[in-house]
Amino acid sequence: MNDYKRAMFDALIWGQGVENLVLDIILKCVANGTLKISDAHLENTKNKHGLSQLADTLRPCIDDDLYSSIKSLAKDRNDVAHRAADEYMKSALCQVGPGEIELWKLEEVKKHAGDIYGRLLDVHEKYSR
């Protein structure tokens, strides 16, 4: 796998890992009574909401800095994913090589996601007791 594909893969996988962990924390908080949401909201949380909406749901259980970091990651991850898909489609339609997002941007998304993931592990442990 070339450097670009590896960086893209890492950025998206780490972002998805954060999303999955946020969802798991929400489910733990609902199960232990820390977080109270309606059945309809819970169903949407499990099946429809993306990272930004999940962060909004989890907000009462995390500090403002972590909340802001997750919201920022959600925005950056969406930007990277949409730009990559757009470049791929342009290349397929125009039969030219795909444009590439700057590697530094992909690496920054991966690093940001990794930092958040570590912080979320502490939150996960707190609500798993």
Protein backbone atom coordinates (compact mmCIF):
# COMPACT_ATOMS: atom_id res chain seq x y z
CA MET A 1 0.00 0.00 0.00
CA ASN A 2 1.47 3.37 -0.93
CA ASP A 3 1.91 6.16 1.63
CA TYR A 4 -1.22 8.00 0.54
CA LYS A 5 -3.49 4.96 0.73
CA ARG A 6 -2.04 3.99 4.11
CA ALA A 7 -2.55 7.50 5.49
CA MET A 8 -6.13 7.60 4.18
CA PHE A 9 -6.89 4.17 5.61
CA ASP A 10 -5.41 5.08 9.01
CA ALA A 11 -7.29 8.38 9.21
CA LEU A 12 -10.62 6.78 8.42
CA ILE A 13 -10.13 3.69 10.59
CA TRP A 14 -9.02 5.69 13.64
CA GLY A 15 -11.99 8.02 13.17
CA GLN A 16 -14.33 5.04 12.98
CA GLY A 17 -12.74 3.62 16.11
CA VAL A 18 -13.56 6.84 17.96
CA GLU A 19 -17.13 6.73 16.70
CA ASN A 20 -17.57 3.12 17.82
CA LEU A 21 -16.12 3.85 21.27
CA VAL A 22 -18.34 6.91 21.74
CA LEU A 23 -21.38 4.77 20.88
CA ASP A 24 -20.31 2.08 23.34
CA ILE A 25 -19.86 4.66 26.11
CA ILE A 26 -23.34 6.05 25.40
CA LEU A 27 -24.84 2.57 25.64
CA LYS A 28 -23.03 1.94 28.94
CA CYS A 29 -24.20 5.29 30.32
CA VAL A 30 -27.80 4.55 29.33
CA ALA A 31 -27.59 1.05 30.82
CA ASN A 32 -26.21 2.26 34.16
CA GLY A 33 -28.62 5.22 34.36
CA THR A 34 -26.00 7.96 34.00
CA LEU A 35 -27.56 9.15 30.74
CA LYS A 36 -31.28 9.37 30.21
CA ILE A 37 -32.55 9.56 26.64
CA SER A 38 -35.83 8.55 25.04
CA ASP A 39 -36.28 5.17 23.37
CA ALA A 40 -36.57 6.91 19.99
CA HIS A 41 -33.34 8.84 20.58
CA LEU A 42 -31.61 5.63 21.67
CA GLU A 43 -32.75 3.88 18.51
CA ASN A 44 -31.44 6.74 16.36
CA THR A 45 -28.20 6.74 18.34
CA LYS A 46 -27.67 3.07 17.61
CA ASN A 47 -28.69 3.12 13.96
CA LYS A 48 -28.50 6.59 12.41
CA HIS A 49 -26.34 9.12 14.20
CA GLY A 50 -22.83 9.93 13.08
CA LEU A 51 -19.94 11.01 15.28
CA SER A 52 -21.04 14.62 15.68
CA GLN A 53 -24.53 13.64 16.84
CA LEU A 54 -23.08 10.95 19.10
CA ALA A 55 -20.87 13.59 20.72
CA ASP A 56 -23.96 15.73 21.34
CA THR A 57 -25.64 12.78 23.07
CA LEU A 58 -22.57 12.01 25.18
CA ARG A 59 -21.95 15.64 26.14
CA PRO A 60 -23.43 15.42 29.68
CA CYS A 61 -20.95 12.64 30.49
CA ILE A 62 -17.71 14.26 29.25
CA ASP A 63 -15.85 17.51 29.80
CA ASP A 64 -16.14 20.44 27.40
CA ASP A 65 -12.63 19.98 26.03
CA LEU A 66 -13.24 16.35 25.04
CA TYR A 67 -16.61 17.28 23.56
CA SER A 68 -15.01 20.02 21.44
CA SER A 69 -12.25 17.66 20.33
CA ILE A 70 -14.74 15.03 19.19
CA LYS A 71 -16.79 17.62 17.30
CA SER A 72 -13.63 18.90 15.61
CA LEU A 73 -12.57 15.37 14.66
CA ALA A 74 -16.01 14.68 13.20
CA LYS A 75 -15.71 17.75 10.98
CA ASP A 76 -12.16 16.91 9.87
CA ARG A 77 -12.98 13.26 9.23
CA ASN A 78 -15.99 14.19 7.11
CA ASP A 79 -13.89 16.67 5.17
CA VAL A 80 -11.20 14.08 4.45
CA ALA A 81 -13.69 11.37 3.49
CA HIS A 82 -15.75 13.63 1.22
CA ARG A 83 -12.71 15.13 -0.48
CA ALA A 84 -11.20 11.68 -1.07
CA ALA A 85 -14.45 10.36 -2.55
CA ASP A 86 -14.78 13.46 -4.72
CA GLU A 87 -11.23 13.10 -6.03
CA TYR A 88 -11.80 9.41 -6.74
CA MET A 89 -15.02 10.08 -8.66
CA LYS A 90 -13.39 12.86 -10.68
CA SER A 91 -10.56 10.51 -11.62
CA ALA A 92 -12.99 7.75 -12.62
CA LEU A 93 -15.13 10.08 -14.71
CA CYS A 94 -12.27 11.96 -16.35
CA GLN A 95 -9.95 8.96 -16.58
CA VAL A 96 -7.07 10.74 -14.91
CA GLY A 97 -5.11 9.87 -11.82
CA PRO A 98 -6.88 10.77 -8.59
CA GLY A 99 -5.88 13.91 -6.76
CA GLU A 100 -4.58 13.35 -3.30
CA ILE A 101 -5.36 15.09 -0.05
CA GLU A 102 -2.26 16.45 1.60
CA LEU A 103 -0.60 13.73 3.68
CA TRP A 104 -0.19 16.10 6.63
CA LYS A 105 -3.99 16.47 6.81
CA LEU A 106 -4.54 12.72 6.86
CA GLU A 107 -1.82 12.22 9.45
CA GLU A 108 -3.30 14.99 11.60
CA VAL A 109 -6.74 13.35 11.52
CA LYS A 110 -5.19 10.02 12.55
CA LYS A 111 -3.22 11.63 15.39
CA HIS A 112 -6.23 13.61 16.60
CA ALA A 113 -8.38 10.46 16.56
CA GLY A 114 -5.72 8.50 18.43
CA ASP A 115 -5.47 11.18 21.11
CA ILE A 116 -9.24 11.24 21.55
CA TYR A 117 -9.42 7.44 21.59
CA GLY A 118 -7.00 7.33 24.50
CA ARG A 119 -9.04 9.87 26.43
CA LEU A 120 -12.24 7.98 25.66
CA LEU A 121 -10.77 4.76 27.03
CA ASP A 122 -10.58 6.48 30.43
CA VAL A 123 -14.22 7.58 30.10
CA HIS A 124 -15.19 4.06 29.03
CA GLU A 125 -13.51 2.60 32.09
CA LYS A 126 -15.22 5.11 34.37
CA TYR A 127 -18.69 4.15 33.15
CA SER A 128 -17.97 0.41 32.93
CA ARG A 129 -17.74 -0.02 36.70
